[in-house]
Structure formats: C-alpha cells, structure tokens
Amino acid sequence: MPADRNRSRECVTLVHGFMANRLLLSLLGQRIRSHGFQTEAWGYTNMLCSLMVHAHLLAKDLERMDALPALSTIHLVTHSMGCIIARAALDQYRPAKLGRFVMLAPPNHGSFVATRVAPIAGGLCTPLRELSTDAGSLVNRLPMPRDLEIGVIAAGRDVLVSLESTRPDVPHEYTIVPCFHSMLLFREDAAELVVEFLEHGRFPQSDSVPTSS
C-alpha cells in the first residue's frame, strides 16, 4: 500500500468477541479514527447460535462495503471470537478491496476454557463446541485466509486463550501486550500497535512468521 494513501477512504471494520457488544469497541475505534481511518463497529447479539450465522451476515456486509465507490480499502480488526467469525466470513466472501487483518487475542486453534465448559453447556451454547481445542472442532477445520497481511496481538496474561492458540498457520506478524484477554480493547499501546500494522503491515519488534507456526 502506498505511504501517501488517503486513509479517509479506508474503513476499518471492528468485530467484538463472545459475550461482548459494539460499545466495547468504542475506545479502540476512536483511537483508530484519530489516525484518519473510518471505522465501522460490527456486532451481533445472539451468543447461543453458531458463529457461522454471524459469519454469513458479516460476509454480506463486507460485500456491501466492497461495492461502495467512496471506500478504497476494507481492513479488519477483530477480537477473540470475532477473529474466527471474520475468518469464516472471508471464506464465504473475500472483498476485492480487502486490506489488512489484525487479530486481537484470537483463539485460532480453540480456547481451553471452551473445551472445559463445552461438555456442560455446549448443547445450549453452540460456540463453546465450535471454539473447542479438539482437532475436529469448527475453529480447527475452518480454513485460514491466505495471501493476506495478518497481524496478531496476543494478551500475555490471557486466561482464556493460550499463546500457542493465537498463532495462525499462515505467514503473519506477531506481538504480545502484557495484559488480560479483554484489556486489549482498552489499552492505548494495543491501539497504537493496531494502527502501526494498518499503516505499515508490521509491528515494532515484531515476531515475523513467514511459514507455518
């Protein structure tokens, strides 16, 4: 992407995680907008249905945005289960204007907490089964988007997702912020890392992974 590009024509779509809402994306969105980007907080309310239901709706929204002449680029900044919803959406529809993809604390290979709770509540709450670390779970069968600039920001004190699980099995940039899972949405240093990746496709002192991790 050219260094002199017009960021006002670039839209950053933010997607929240499980048991969250769009309001929790407000501060991060504000910080991203202060660097000239547009933002759109994308949310969902049903926490019991399959995440594929949300992925289908997100794919439709990405398709709508892709057709807007006023937009030059569509970036994705997602948190937790929102990362998996976005992965599934890109498997259904990949925008021609797709830019960069930032994942915050992504359970790319599942959450050990979901694995423990799924036998108890997975019958009622489908995402718990889908986000299990089991090899056959949805998250472990879902294709990872390729030929795409991906940046992963992991939470160093995450008690929901292991650091190993945050790593996608495609080339990516990687960094860790010393905080808990949801605090990535509120920390200024995390927001600056997001913007750095959106602007340059890398993090300062990034752990670049050119091959499968």
C-alpha atoms as a PDB file:
ATOM      1  CA  MET A   1       0.000   0.000   0.000  1.00  0.00           C
ATOM      2  CA  PRO A   2       1.404   3.455  -0.867  1.00  0.00           C
ATOM      3  CA  ALA A   3       2.666   5.561   2.008  1.00  0.00           C
ATOM      4  CA  ASP A   4       0.750   8.615   0.763  1.00  0.00           C
ATOM      5  CA  ARG A   5      -2.609   6.898   0.524  1.00  0.00           C
ATOM      6  CA  ASN A   6      -5.795   8.642   1.621  1.00  0.00           C
ATOM      7  CA  ARG A   7      -6.737   6.965   4.911  1.00  0.00           C
ATOM      8  CA  SER A   8     -10.130   8.681   4.955  1.00  0.00           C
ATOM      9  CA  ARG A   9     -11.183   6.257   2.193  1.00  0.00           C
ATOM     10  CA  GLU A  10     -10.063   3.250   4.234  1.00  0.00           C
ATOM     11  CA  CYS A  11     -12.652   1.668   6.514  1.00  0.00           C
ATOM     12  CA  VAL A  12     -11.666  -0.441   9.494  1.00  0.00           C
ATOM     13  CA  THR A  13     -14.375  -2.949  10.383  1.00  0.00           C
ATOM     14  CA  LEU A  14     -14.169  -3.910  14.060  1.00  0.00           C
ATOM     15  CA  VAL A  15     -15.736  -7.145  15.325  1.00  0.00           C
ATOM     16  CA  HIS A  16     -16.168  -7.973  19.014  1.00  0.00           C
ATOM     17  CA  GLY A  17     -15.935 -11.309  20.740  1.00  0.00           C
ATOM     18  CA  PHE A  18     -18.170 -13.687  22.676  1.00  0.00           C
ATOM     19  CA  MET A  19     -20.417 -12.157  25.367  1.00  0.00           C
ATOM     20  CA  ALA A  20     -19.432  -8.643  24.259  1.00  0.00           C
ATOM     21  CA  ASN A  21     -21.022  -5.847  22.236  1.00  0.00           C
ATOM     22  CA  ARG A  22     -20.181  -2.959  19.938  1.00  0.00           C
ATOM     23  CA  LEU A  23     -19.911  -0.486  22.811  1.00  0.00           C
ATOM     24  CA  LEU A  24     -16.756  -2.256  23.936  1.00  0.00           C
ATOM     25  CA  LEU A  25     -15.195  -1.351  20.581  1.00  0.00           C
ATOM     26  CA  SER A  26     -15.827   2.389  21.044  1.00  0.00           C
ATOM     27  CA  LEU A  27     -12.495   3.428  22.560  1.00  0.00           C
ATOM     28  CA  LEU A  28     -10.429   1.382  20.121  1.00  0.00           C
ATOM     29  CA  GLY A  29     -12.486   2.760  17.230  1.00  0.00           C
ATOM     30  CA  GLN A  30     -11.960   6.319  18.449  1.00  0.00           C
ATOM     31  CA  ARG A  31      -8.201   5.815  18.631  1.00  0.00           C
ATOM     32  CA  ILE A  32      -8.105   4.352  15.123  1.00  0.00           C
ATOM     33  CA  ARG A  33     -10.168   7.245  13.749  1.00  0.00           C
ATOM     34  CA  SER A  34      -7.726   9.741  15.268  1.00  0.00           C
ATOM     35  CA  HIS A  35      -5.229   8.475  12.682  1.00  0.00           C
ATOM     36  CA  GLY A  36      -7.552   9.309   9.790  1.00  0.00           C
ATOM     37  CA  PHE A  37      -9.279   5.988   9.165  1.00  0.00           C
ATOM     38  CA  GLN A  38     -13.011   5.422   9.014  1.00  0.00           C
ATOM     39  CA  THR A  39     -14.341   2.764  11.366  1.00  0.00           C
ATOM     40  CA  GLU A  40     -17.426   0.594  11.487  1.00  0.00           C
ATOM     41  CA  ALA A  41     -18.247  -1.411  14.600  1.00  0.00           C
ATOM     42  CA  TRP A  42     -19.859  -4.661  13.551  1.00  0.00           C
ATOM     43  CA  GLY A  43     -21.768  -6.597  16.188  1.00  0.00           C
ATOM     44  CA  TYR A  44     -24.169  -9.423  16.974  1.00  0.00           C
ATOM     45  CA  THR A  45     -26.421 -10.212  19.919  1.00  0.00           C
ATOM     46  CA  ASN A  46     -27.161 -13.932  19.743  1.00  0.00           C
ATOM     47  CA  MET A  47     -24.460 -15.703  21.767  1.00  0.00           C
ATOM     48  CA  LEU A  48     -26.039 -19.161  21.539  1.00  0.00           C
ATOM     49  CA  CYS A  49     -26.232 -19.770  17.787  1.00  0.00           C
ATOM     50  CA  SER A  50     -23.406 -20.987  15.577  1.00  0.00           C
ATOM     51  CA  LEU A  51     -20.755 -18.395  14.838  1.00  0.00           C
ATOM     52  CA  MET A  52     -21.333 -19.293  11.182  1.00  0.00           C
ATOM     53  CA  VAL A  53     -24.652 -17.428  11.391  1.00  0.00           C
ATOM     54  CA  HIS A  54     -22.739 -14.260  12.235  1.00  0.00           C
ATOM     55  CA  ALA A  55     -20.076 -15.033   9.627  1.00  0.00           C
ATOM     56  CA  HIS A  56     -22.712 -15.156   6.906  1.00  0.00           C
ATOM     57  CA  LEU A  57     -24.066 -11.743   7.925  1.00  0.00           C
ATOM     58  CA  LEU A  58     -20.571 -10.264   8.109  1.00  0.00           C
ATOM     59  CA  ALA A  59     -19.763 -11.634   4.659  1.00  0.00           C
ATOM     60  CA  LYS A  60     -22.873  -9.914   3.295  1.00  0.00           C
ATOM     61  CA  ASP A  61     -21.825  -6.659   4.930  1.00  0.00           C
ATOM     62  CA  LEU A  62     -18.304  -6.936   3.506  1.00  0.00           C
ATOM     63  CA  GLU A  63     -19.855  -7.459   0.086  1.00  0.00           C
ATOM     64  CA  ARG A  64     -21.953  -4.317   0.556  1.00  0.00           C
ATOM     65  CA  MET A  65     -18.911  -2.278   1.590  1.00  0.00           C
ATOM     66  CA  ASP A  66     -16.887  -3.660  -1.294  1.00  0.00           C
ATOM     67  CA  ALA A  67     -19.362  -2.057  -3.696  1.00  0.00           C
ATOM     68  CA  LEU A  68     -19.114   1.434  -2.163  1.00  0.00           C
ATOM     69  CA  PRO A  69     -17.194   3.760  -4.503  1.00  0.00           C
ATOM     70  CA  ALA A  70     -16.235   6.009  -1.584  1.00  0.00           C
ATOM     71  CA  LEU A  71     -14.139   3.245   0.004  1.00  0.00           C
ATOM     72  CA  SER A  72     -10.740   2.233  -1.315  1.00  0.00           C
ATOM     73  CA  THR A  73      -9.829  -0.357   1.321  1.00  0.00           C
ATOM     74  CA  ILE A  74     -11.551  -2.548   3.895  1.00  0.00           C
ATOM     75  CA  HIS A  75      -9.441  -3.579   6.888  1.00  0.00           C
ATOM     76  CA  LEU A  76     -10.490  -5.964   9.653  1.00  0.00           C
ATOM     77  CA  VAL A  77      -9.669  -5.508  13.346  1.00  0.00           C
ATOM     78  CA  THR A  78     -11.216  -8.262  15.418  1.00  0.00           C
ATOM     79  CA  HIS A  79     -11.160  -9.525  18.991  1.00  0.00           C
ATOM     80  CA  SER A  80     -11.405 -13.086  20.330  1.00  0.00           C
ATOM     81  CA  MET A  81     -14.324 -14.986  18.734  1.00  0.00           C
ATOM     82  CA  GLY A  82     -14.716 -12.046  16.366  1.00  0.00           C
ATOM     83  CA  CYS A  83     -11.451 -13.172  14.752  1.00  0.00           C
ATOM     84  CA  ILE A  84     -12.983 -16.561  13.968  1.00  0.00           C
ATOM     85  CA  ILE A  85     -16.194 -15.007  12.680  1.00  0.00           C
ATOM     86  CA  ALA A  86     -14.090 -12.870  10.346  1.00  0.00           C
ATOM     87  CA  ARG A  87     -12.082 -15.885   9.205  1.00  0.00           C
ATOM     88  CA  ALA A  88     -15.315 -17.685   8.359  1.00  0.00           C
ATOM     89  CA  ALA A  89     -16.731 -14.588   6.625  1.00  0.00           C
ATOM     90  CA  LEU A  90     -13.640 -14.288   4.420  1.00  0.00           C
ATOM     91  CA  ASP A  91     -14.046 -17.928   3.485  1.00  0.00           C
ATOM     92  CA  GLN A  92     -17.516 -17.021   2.169  1.00  0.00           C
ATOM     93  CA  TYR A  93     -16.699 -13.660   0.585  1.00  0.00           C
ATOM     94  CA  ARG A  94     -13.302 -12.044   0.109  1.00  0.00           C
ATOM     95  CA  PRO A  95     -13.580  -8.343  -0.747  1.00  0.00           C
ATOM     96  CA  ALA A  96     -11.649  -7.068  -3.739  1.00  0.00           C
ATOM     97  CA  LYS A  97     -10.776  -4.066  -1.531  1.00  0.00           C
ATOM     98  CA  LEU A  98      -9.547  -6.197   1.365  1.00  0.00           C
ATOM     99  CA  GLY A  99      -6.600  -4.614   3.151  1.00  0.00           C
ATOM    100  CA  ARG A 100      -5.007  -5.871   6.363  1.00  0.00           C
ATOM    101  CA  PHE A 101      -6.353  -8.136   9.097  1.00  0.00           C
ATOM    102  CA  VAL A 102      -5.498  -7.537  12.760  1.00  0.00           C
ATOM    103  CA  MET A 103      -6.455 -10.252  15.255  1.00  0.00           C
ATOM    104  CA  LEU A 104      -6.574  -9.436  18.970  1.00  0.00           C
ATOM    105  CA  ALA A 105      -6.266 -12.496  21.243  1.00  0.00           C
ATOM    106  CA  PRO A 106      -7.608 -14.869  18.578  1.00  0.00           C
ATOM    107  CA  PRO A 107      -8.488 -18.460  19.570  1.00  0.00           C
ATOM    108  CA  ASN A 108      -7.195 -19.636  16.197  1.00  0.00           C
ATOM    109  CA  HIS A 109      -6.846 -23.194  17.458  1.00  0.00           C
ATOM    110  CA  GLY A 110      -9.527 -23.009  20.108  1.00  0.00           C
ATOM    111  CA  SER A 111      -9.881 -21.964  23.735  1.00  0.00           C
ATOM    112  CA  PHE A 112      -9.042 -24.347  26.549  1.00  0.00           C
ATOM    113  CA  VAL A 113     -11.840 -22.755  28.580  1.00  0.00           C
ATOM    114  CA  ALA A 114     -14.353 -23.561  25.825  1.00  0.00           C
ATOM    115  CA  THR A 115     -13.020 -27.121  25.810  1.00  0.00           C
ATOM    116  CA  ARG A 116     -13.686 -27.493  29.536  1.00  0.00           C
ATOM    117  CA  VAL A 117     -17.124 -25.884  29.514  1.00  0.00           C
ATOM    118  CA  ALA A 118     -18.439 -27.425  26.268  1.00  0.00           C
ATOM    119  CA  PRO A 119     -19.415 -30.788  27.836  1.00  0.00           C
ATOM    120  CA  ILE A 120     -21.593 -28.910  30.329  1.00  0.00           C
ATOM    121  CA  ALA A 121     -23.075 -26.050  28.303  1.00  0.00           C
ATOM    122  CA  GLY A 122     -22.177 -26.851  24.697  1.00  0.00           C
ATOM    123  CA  GLY A 123     -25.608 -28.282  23.984  1.00  0.00           C
ATOM    124  CA  LEU A 124     -27.183 -24.890  24.633  1.00  0.00           C
ATOM    125  CA  CYS A 125     -24.315 -22.631  23.588  1.00  0.00           C
ATOM    126  CA  THR A 126     -23.030 -23.751  20.190  1.00  0.00           C
ATOM    127  CA  PRO A 127     -19.915 -21.503  20.090  1.00  0.00           C
ATOM    128  CA  LEU A 128     -18.452 -23.391  23.048  1.00  0.00           C
ATOM    129  CA  ARG A 129     -18.296 -26.541  20.924  1.00  0.00           C
ATOM    130  CA  GLU A 130     -17.110 -24.651  17.870  1.00  0.00           C
ATOM    131  CA  LEU A 131     -14.260 -22.986  19.782  1.00  0.00           C
ATOM    132  CA  SER A 132     -13.036 -26.172  21.440  1.00  0.00           C
ATOM    133  CA  THR A 133      -9.369 -27.105  21.077  1.00  0.00           C
ATOM    134  CA  ASP A 134     -10.458 -30.524  19.766  1.00  0.00           C
ATOM    135  CA  ALA A 135      -8.996 -31.282  16.347  1.00  0.00           C
ATOM    136  CA  GLY A 136     -12.457 -31.743  14.847  1.00  0.00           C
ATOM    137  CA  SER A 137     -13.973 -28.503  16.153  1.00  0.00           C
ATOM    138  CA  LEU A 138     -15.128 -25.816  13.743  1.00  0.00           C
ATOM    139  CA  VAL A 139     -12.267 -23.461  14.548  1.00  0.00           C
ATOM    140  CA  ASN A 140      -9.717 -26.171  13.748  1.00  0.00           C
ATOM    141  CA  ARG A 141     -11.425 -27.147  10.486  1.00  0.00           C
ATOM    142  CA  LEU A 142     -12.024 -23.623   9.240  1.00  0.00           C
ATOM    143  CA  PRO A 143      -9.604 -22.503   6.507  1.00  0.00           C
ATOM    144  CA  MET A 144      -7.186 -19.744   7.435  1.00  0.00           C
ATOM    145  CA  PRO A 145      -7.177 -16.823   4.963  1.00  0.00           C
ATOM    146  CA  ARG A 146      -4.045 -16.854   2.815  1.00  0.00           C
ATOM    147  CA  ASP A 147      -2.215 -14.274   0.731  1.00  0.00           C
ATOM    148  CA  LEU A 148      -3.241 -11.650   3.250  1.00  0.00           C
ATOM    149  CA  GLU A 149      -1.284  -9.414   5.623  1.00  0.00           C
ATOM    150  CA  ILE A 150      -2.205 -10.682   9.096  1.00  0.00           C
ATOM    151  CA  GLY A 151      -1.077  -9.173  12.384  1.00  0.00           C
ATOM    152  CA  VAL A 152      -1.724 -10.943  15.686  1.00  0.00           C
ATOM    153  CA  ILE A 153      -1.668  -9.137  19.038  1.00  0.00           C
ATOM    154  CA  ALA A 154      -1.786 -11.635  21.883  1.00  0.00           C
ATOM    155  CA  ALA A 155      -2.542 -10.892  25.534  1.00  0.00           C
ATOM    156  CA  GLY A 156       0.389 -12.019  27.660  1.00  0.00           C
ATOM    157  CA  ARG A 157      -1.826 -12.701  30.702  1.00  0.00           C
ATOM    158  CA  ASP A 158      -4.678 -14.314  28.810  1.00  0.00           C
ATOM    159  CA  VAL A 159      -6.608 -16.833  30.935  1.00  0.00           C
ATOM    160  CA  LEU A 160      -8.962 -17.822  28.104  1.00  0.00           C
ATOM    161  CA  VAL A 161      -6.702 -18.470  25.111  1.00  0.00           C
ATOM    162  CA  SER A 162      -3.175 -19.871  25.164  1.00  0.00           C
ATOM    163  CA  LEU A 163      -0.440 -18.020  23.319  1.00  0.00           C
ATOM    164  CA  GLU A 164       0.092 -21.105  21.154  1.00  0.00           C
ATOM    165  CA  SER A 165      -3.545 -20.994  20.057  1.00  0.00           C
ATOM    166  CA  THR A 166      -3.306 -17.389  18.908  1.00  0.00           C
ATOM    167  CA  ARG A 167      -0.836 -18.305  16.154  1.00  0.00           C
ATOM    168  CA  PRO A 168      -2.384 -18.749  12.692  1.00  0.00           C
ATOM    169  CA  ASP A 169      -0.832 -21.422  10.484  1.00  0.00           C
ATOM    170  CA  VAL A 170      -0.111 -18.895   7.721  1.00  0.00           C
ATOM    171  CA  PRO A 171       2.522 -16.136   7.458  1.00  0.00           C
ATOM    172  CA  HIS A 172       1.829 -13.395   9.994  1.00  0.00           C
ATOM    173  CA  GLU A 173       3.321 -10.700  12.198  1.00  0.00           C
ATOM    174  CA  TYR A 174       3.093 -11.317  15.923  1.00  0.00           C
ATOM    175  CA  THR A 175       3.445  -9.335  19.121  1.00  0.00           C
ATOM    176  CA  ILE A 176       2.379  -9.637  22.775  1.00  0.00           C
ATOM    177  CA  VAL A 177       0.942  -6.999  25.107  1.00  0.00           C
ATOM    178  CA  PRO A 178       1.257  -7.788  28.851  1.00  0.00           C
ATOM    179  CA  CYS A 179      -2.423  -7.697  29.776  1.00  0.00           C
ATOM    180  CA  PHE A 180      -5.550  -9.799  30.155  1.00  0.00           C
ATOM    181  CA  HIS A 181      -7.724 -11.000  27.272  1.00  0.00           C
ATOM    182  CA  SER A 182     -10.285  -8.186  27.034  1.00  0.00           C
ATOM    183  CA  MET A 183      -7.962  -5.362  28.077  1.00  0.00           C
ATOM    184  CA  LEU A 184      -6.504  -5.323  24.567  1.00  0.00           C
ATOM    185  CA  LEU A 185      -9.589  -3.347  23.561  1.00  0.00           C
ATOM    186  CA  PHE A 186      -8.856  -0.551  26.023  1.00  0.00           C
ATOM    187  CA  ARG A 187      -5.084  -0.154  26.191  1.00  0.00           C
ATOM    188  CA  GLU A 188      -3.532   2.723  24.293  1.00  0.00           C
ATOM    189  CA  ASP A 189      -0.402   0.724  23.467  1.00  0.00           C
ATOM    190  CA  ALA A 190      -2.527  -2.016  21.888  1.00  0.00           C
ATOM    191  CA  ALA A 191      -4.380   0.587  19.800  1.00  0.00           C
ATOM    192  CA  GLU A 192      -1.066   2.045  18.624  1.00  0.00           C
ATOM    193  CA  LEU A 193       0.058  -1.424  17.574  1.00  0.00           C
ATOM    194  CA  VAL A 194      -3.177  -1.873  15.626  1.00  0.00           C
ATOM    195  CA  VAL A 195      -2.642   1.424  13.807  1.00  0.00           C
ATOM    196  CA  GLU A 196       1.016   0.607  13.144  1.00  0.00           C
ATOM    197  CA  PHE A 197       0.004  -2.604  11.433  1.00  0.00           C
ATOM    198  CA  LEU A 198      -2.812  -0.982   9.465  1.00  0.00           C
ATOM    199  CA  GLU A 199      -0.396   1.653   8.210  1.00  0.00           C
ATOM    200  CA  HIS A 200       2.738  -0.412   7.608  1.00  0.00           C
ATOM    201  CA  GLY A 201       1.868  -4.112   7.769  1.00  0.00           C
ATOM    202  CA  ARG A 202       4.214  -4.763  10.675  1.00  0.00           C
ATOM    203  CA  PHE A 203       4.668  -4.201  14.395  1.00  0.00           C
ATOM    204  CA  PRO A 204       7.713  -2.618  16.030  1.00  0.00           C
ATOM    205  CA  GLN A 205       9.966  -5.501  17.100  1.00  0.00           C
ATOM    206  CA  SER A 206       7.520  -7.933  15.523  1.00  0.00           C
ATOM    207  CA  ASP A 207       7.988 -11.666  15.571  1.00  0.00           C
ATOM    208  CA  SER A 208       7.520 -12.248  11.856  1.00  0.00           C
ATOM    209  CA  VAL A 209       6.434 -15.770  10.951  1.00  0.00           C
ATOM    210  CA  PRO A 210       6.944 -16.426   7.218  1.00  0.00           C
ATOM    211  CA  THR A 211       5.986 -20.075   7.413  1.00  0.00           C
ATOM    212  CA  SER A 212       3.554 -22.242   9.342  1.00  0.00           C
ATOM    213  CA  SER A 213       3.950 -21.916  13.083  1.00  0.00           C
END
